[in-house]
PDB file of all heavy atoms in Angstrom:
ATOM      1  N   ILE A   1      12.520  -3.018  -5.397  1.00  0.00           N
ATOM      2  CA  ILE A   1      13.334  -3.121  -4.267  1.00  0.00           C
ATOM      3  C   ILE A   1      13.616  -1.764  -3.693  1.00  0.00           C
ATOM      4  O   ILE A   1      14.358  -0.943  -4.391  1.00  0.00           O
ATOM      5  CB  ILE A   1      14.675  -3.910  -4.673  1.00  0.00           C
ATOM      6  CG1 ILE A   1      14.345  -5.107  -5.400  1.00  0.00           C
ATOM      7  CG2 ILE A   1      15.489  -4.170  -3.388  1.00  0.00           C
ATOM      8  CD1 ILE A   1      15.648  -5.747  -6.044  1.00  0.00           C
ATOM      9  N   ALA A   2      13.150  -1.425  -2.565  1.00  0.00           N
ATOM     10  CA  ALA A   2      13.401  -0.131  -1.889  1.00  0.00           C
ATOM     11  C   ALA A   2      13.839  -0.486  -0.418  1.00  0.00           C
ATOM     12  O   ALA A   2      13.211   0.064   0.478  1.00  0.00           O
ATOM     13  CB  ALA A   2      12.097   0.745  -1.951  1.00  0.00           C
ATOM     14  N   ALA A   3      14.780  -1.329  -0.378  1.00  0.00           N
ATOM     15  CA  ALA A   3      15.117  -1.917   1.020  1.00  0.00           C
ATOM     16  C   ALA A   3      16.320  -1.287   1.596  1.00  0.00           C
ATOM     17  O   ALA A   3      16.986  -1.905   2.448  1.00  0.00           O
ATOM     18  CB  ALA A   3      15.402  -3.356   0.740  1.00  0.00           C
ATOM     19  N   GLY A   4      16.672  -0.014   1.254  1.00  0.00           N
ATOM     20  CA  GLY A   4      17.819   0.651   1.877  1.00  0.00           C
ATOM     21  C   GLY A   4      19.055  -0.127   1.736  1.00  0.00           C
ATOM     22  O   GLY A   4      19.411  -0.602   0.646  1.00  0.00           O
ATOM     23  N   ILE A   5      19.763  -0.327   2.848  1.00  0.00           N
ATOM     24  CA  ILE A   5      21.132  -0.931   2.714  1.00  0.00           C
ATOM     25  C   ILE A   5      20.990  -2.407   2.359  1.00  0.00           C
ATOM     26  O   ILE A   5      21.975  -3.054   1.970  1.00  0.00           O
ATOM     27  CB  ILE A   5      21.883  -0.849   4.035  1.00  0.00           C
ATOM     28  CG1 ILE A   5      21.129  -1.505   5.230  1.00  0.00           C
ATOM     29  CG2 ILE A   5      22.174   0.620   4.302  1.00  0.00           C
ATOM     30  CD1 ILE A   5      21.971  -1.649   6.529  1.00  0.00           C
ATOM     31  N   GLY A   6      19.754  -3.029   2.426  1.00  0.00           N
ATOM     32  CA  GLY A   6      19.543  -4.399   2.034  1.00  0.00           C
ATOM     33  C   GLY A   6      19.369  -4.519   0.564  1.00  0.00           C
ATOM     34  O   GLY A   6      19.304  -5.738   0.091  1.00  0.00           O
ATOM     35  N   THR A   7      19.376  -3.460  -0.195  1.00  0.00           N
ATOM     36  CA  THR A   7      19.049  -3.503  -1.674  1.00  0.00           C
ATOM     37  C   THR A   7      20.137  -4.219  -2.389  1.00  0.00           C
ATOM     38  O   THR A   7      19.846  -5.039  -3.265  1.00  0.00           O
ATOM     39  CB  THR A   7      18.875  -2.042  -2.163  1.00  0.00           C
ATOM     40  OG1 THR A   7      17.848  -1.418  -1.544  1.00  0.00           O
ATOM     41  CG2 THR A   7      18.742  -2.108  -3.686  1.00  0.00           C
ATOM     42  N   SER A   8      21.365  -4.086  -2.035  1.00  0.00           N
ATOM     43  CA  SER A   8      22.596  -4.623  -2.797  1.00  0.00           C
ATOM     44  C   SER A   8      22.434  -6.143  -2.782  1.00  0.00           C
ATOM     45  O   SER A   8      22.641  -6.846  -3.788  1.00  0.00           O
ATOM     46  CB  SER A   8      23.925  -4.188  -2.202  1.00  0.00           C
ATOM     47  OG  SER A   8      24.147  -2.834  -2.444  1.00  0.00           O
ATOM     48  N   ALA A   9      22.198  -6.749  -1.552  1.00  0.00           N
ATOM     49  CA  ALA A   9      22.141  -8.159  -1.444  1.00  0.00           C
ATOM     50  C   ALA A   9      20.985  -8.712  -2.281  1.00  0.00           C
ATOM     51  O   ALA A   9      21.169  -9.878  -2.897  1.00  0.00           O
ATOM     52  CB  ALA A   9      22.009  -8.561   0.073  1.00  0.00           C
ATOM     53  N   ILE A  10      19.799  -8.167  -2.177  1.00  0.00           N
ATOM     54  CA  ILE A  10      18.626  -8.567  -2.949  1.00  0.00           C
ATOM     55  C   ILE A  10      18.929  -8.583  -4.425  1.00  0.00           C
ATOM     56  O   ILE A  10      18.682  -9.626  -5.154  1.00  0.00           O
ATOM     57  CB  ILE A  10      17.416  -7.846  -2.515  1.00  0.00           C
ATOM     58  CG1 ILE A  10      17.091  -8.029  -1.052  1.00  0.00           C
ATOM     59  CG2 ILE A  10      16.206  -8.245  -3.404  1.00  0.00           C
ATOM     60  CD1 ILE A  10      16.030  -7.123  -0.533  1.00  0.00           C
ATOM     61  N   ALA A  11      19.427  -7.417  -4.934  1.00  0.00           N
ATOM     62  CA  ALA A  11      19.710  -7.370  -6.364  1.00  0.00           C
ATOM     63  C   ALA A  11      20.840  -8.262  -6.703  1.00  0.00           C
ATOM     64  O   ALA A  11      20.840  -8.793  -7.836  1.00  0.00           O
ATOM     65  CB  ALA A  11      20.092  -5.839  -6.735  1.00  0.00           C
ATOM     66  N   GLY A  12      21.782  -8.489  -5.810  1.00  0.00           N
ATOM     67  CA  GLY A  12      22.867  -9.405  -6.083  1.00  0.00           C
ATOM     68  C   GLY A  12      22.546 -10.837  -6.258  1.00  0.00           C
ATOM     69  O   GLY A  12      23.180 -11.640  -6.860  1.00  0.00           O
ATOM     70  N   SER A  13      21.314 -11.193  -5.802  1.00  0.00           N
ATOM     71  CA  SER A  13      20.835 -12.539  -5.979  1.00  0.00           C
ATOM     72  C   SER A  13      20.543 -12.864  -7.449  1.00  0.00           C
ATOM     73  O   SER A  13      20.515 -14.047  -7.824  1.00  0.00           O
ATOM     74  CB  SER A  13      19.530 -12.773  -5.150  1.00  0.00           C
ATOM     75  OG  SER A  13      18.407 -12.050  -5.688  1.00  0.00           O
ATOM     76  N   ILE A  14      20.493 -11.902  -8.352  1.00  0.00           N
ATOM     77  CA  ILE A  14      20.379 -12.111  -9.713  1.00  0.00           C
ATOM     78  C   ILE A  14      21.596 -11.419 -10.433  1.00  0.00           C
ATOM     79  O   ILE A  14      21.543 -11.076 -11.599  1.00  0.00           O
ATOM     80  CB  ILE A  14      19.027 -11.554 -10.417  1.00  0.00           C
ATOM     81  CG1 ILE A  14      18.830 -10.066 -10.099  1.00  0.00           C
ATOM     82  CG2 ILE A  14      17.922 -12.389  -9.809  1.00  0.00           C
ATOM     83  CD1 ILE A  14      17.731  -9.390 -10.891  1.00  0.00           C
ATOM     84  N   ASP A  15      22.646 -11.327  -9.681  1.00  0.00           N
ATOM     85  CA  ASP A  15      23.934 -10.866 -10.233  1.00  0.00           C
ATOM     86  C   ASP A  15      23.834  -9.369 -10.796  1.00  0.00           C
ATOM     87  O   ASP A  15      24.537  -9.034 -11.753  1.00  0.00           O
ATOM     88  CB  ASP A  15      24.497 -11.774 -11.272  1.00  0.00           C
ATOM     89  CG  ASP A  15      24.792 -13.088 -10.674  1.00  0.00           C
ATOM     90  OD1 ASP A  15      25.305 -13.241  -9.628  1.00  0.00           O
ATOM     91  OD2 ASP A  15      24.576 -14.149 -11.401  1.00  0.00           O
ATOM     92  N   CYS A  16      23.032  -8.578 -10.105  1.00  0.00           N
ATOM     93  CA  CYS A  16      22.973  -7.194 -10.514  1.00  0.00           C
ATOM     94  C   CYS A  16      23.704  -6.325  -9.530  1.00  0.00           C
ATOM     95  O   CYS A  16      23.413  -6.229  -8.369  1.00  0.00           O
ATOM     96  CB  CYS A  16      21.499  -6.719 -10.646  1.00  0.00           C
ATOM     97  SG  CYS A  16      21.304  -5.010 -11.054  1.00  0.00           S
ATOM     98  N   PRO A  17      24.758  -5.503  -9.998  1.00  0.00           N
ATOM     99  CA  PRO A  17      25.523  -4.669  -9.013  1.00  0.00           C
ATOM    100  C   PRO A  17      24.788  -3.408  -8.600  1.00  0.00           C
ATOM    101  O   PRO A  17      24.436  -2.643  -9.486  1.00  0.00           O
ATOM    102  CB  PRO A  17      26.756  -4.383  -9.801  1.00  0.00           C
ATOM    103  CG  PRO A  17      26.333  -4.446 -11.208  1.00  0.00           C
ATOM    104  CD  PRO A  17      25.300  -5.443 -11.333  1.00  0.00           C
ATOM    105  N   ILE A  18      24.523  -3.319  -7.330  1.00  0.00           N
ATOM    106  CA  ILE A  18      23.998  -2.011  -6.763  1.00  0.00           C
ATOM    107  C   ILE A  18      24.974  -1.638  -5.744  1.00  0.00           C
ATOM    108  O   ILE A  18      24.720  -1.947  -4.549  1.00  0.00           O
ATOM    109  CB  ILE A  18      22.491  -2.225  -6.254  1.00  0.00           C
ATOM    110  CG1 ILE A  18      21.602  -2.707  -7.340  1.00  0.00           C
ATOM    111  CG2 ILE A  18      22.035  -0.850  -5.635  1.00  0.00           C
ATOM    112  CD1 ILE A  18      21.375  -1.723  -8.490  1.00  0.00           C
ATOM    113  N   PRO A  19      26.017  -0.871  -6.007  1.00  0.00           N
ATOM    114  CA  PRO A  19      27.111  -0.604  -5.041  1.00  0.00           C
ATOM    115  C   PRO A  19      26.699   0.500  -4.096  1.00  0.00           C
ATOM    116  O   PRO A  19      26.436   1.682  -4.440  1.00  0.00           O
ATOM    117  CB  PRO A  19      28.257  -0.189  -5.939  1.00  0.00           C
ATOM    118  CG  PRO A  19      27.571   0.443  -7.152  1.00  0.00           C
ATOM    119  CD  PRO A  19      26.281  -0.374  -7.348  1.00  0.00           C
ATOM    120  N   LEU A  20      26.704   0.133  -2.776  1.00  0.00           N
ATOM    121  CA  LEU A  20      26.431   1.064  -1.692  1.00  0.00           C
ATOM    122  C   LEU A  20      27.665   1.128  -0.866  1.00  0.00           C
ATOM    123  O   LEU A  20      28.353   0.170  -0.723  1.00  0.00           O
ATOM    124  CB  LEU A  20      25.197   0.637  -0.914  1.00  0.00           C
ATOM    125  CG  LEU A  20      23.893   0.503  -1.581  1.00  0.00           C
ATOM    126  CD1 LEU A  20      22.802   0.049  -0.596  1.00  0.00           C
ATOM    127  CD2 LEU A  20      23.514   1.711  -2.326  1.00  0.00           C
ATOM    128  N   VAL A  21      27.872   2.244  -0.211  1.00  0.00           N
ATOM    129  CA  VAL A  21      28.990   2.350   0.713  1.00  0.00           C
ATOM    130  C   VAL A  21      28.498   2.527   2.135  1.00  0.00           C
ATOM    131  O   VAL A  21      27.383   3.062   2.355  1.00  0.00           O
ATOM    132  CB  VAL A  21      29.888   3.660   0.366  1.00  0.00           C
ATOM    133  CG1 VAL A  21      30.575   3.426  -0.964  1.00  0.00           C
ATOM    134  CG2 VAL A  21      28.973   4.927   0.291  1.00  0.00           C
ATOM    135  N   PRO A  22      29.217   2.029   3.130  1.00  0.00           N
ATOM    136  CA  PRO A  22      28.769   2.143   4.503  1.00  0.00           C
ATOM    137  C   PRO A  22      28.793   3.552   5.058  1.00  0.00           C
ATOM    138  O   PRO A  22      29.800   4.232   4.916  1.00  0.00           O
ATOM    139  CB  PRO A  22      29.779   1.224   5.325  1.00  0.00           C
ATOM    140  CG  PRO A  22      30.997   1.163   4.392  1.00  0.00           C
ATOM    141  CD  PRO A  22      30.521   1.285   3.022  1.00  0.00           C
ATOM    142  N   ARG A  23      27.633   4.030   5.526  1.00  0.00           N
ATOM    143  CA  ARG A  23      27.569   5.367   6.087  1.00  0.00           C
ATOM    144  C   ARG A  23      26.695   5.301   7.363  1.00  0.00           C
ATOM    145  O   ARG A  23      25.615   5.865   7.453  1.00  0.00           O
ATOM    146  CB  ARG A  23      26.925   6.281   5.103  1.00  0.00           C
ATOM    147  CG  ARG A  23      27.760   6.650   3.933  1.00  0.00           C
ATOM    148  CD  ARG A  23      29.012   7.458   4.265  1.00  0.00           C
ATOM    149  NE  ARG A  23      29.833   7.857   3.129  1.00  0.00           N
ATOM    150  CZ  ARG A  23      30.869   7.107   2.605  1.00  0.00           C
ATOM    151  NH1 ARG A  23      31.164   5.947   3.171  1.00  0.00           N
ATOM    152  NH2 ARG A  23      31.471   7.532   1.505  1.00  0.00           N
ATOM    153  N   PRO A  24      27.176   4.689   8.462  1.00  0.00           N
ATOM    154  CA  PRO A  24      26.426   4.639   9.703  1.00  0.00           C
ATOM    155  C   PRO A  24      26.451   6.040  10.443  1.00  0.00           C
ATOM    156  O   PRO A  24      27.354   6.907  10.153  1.00  0.00           O
ATOM    157  CB  PRO A  24      27.255   3.669  10.557  1.00  0.00           C
ATOM    158  CG  PRO A  24      28.636   3.815  10.079  1.00  0.00           C
ATOM    159  CD  PRO A  24      28.526   4.120   8.583  1.00  0.00           C
TER     160      PRO A  24
END
């Protein structure tokens, strides 16, 4: 998974926390 800001949601589908903060 090298999906940038989409990484958290994809990893979250198996309950794995990948915490990202919004930085537009």
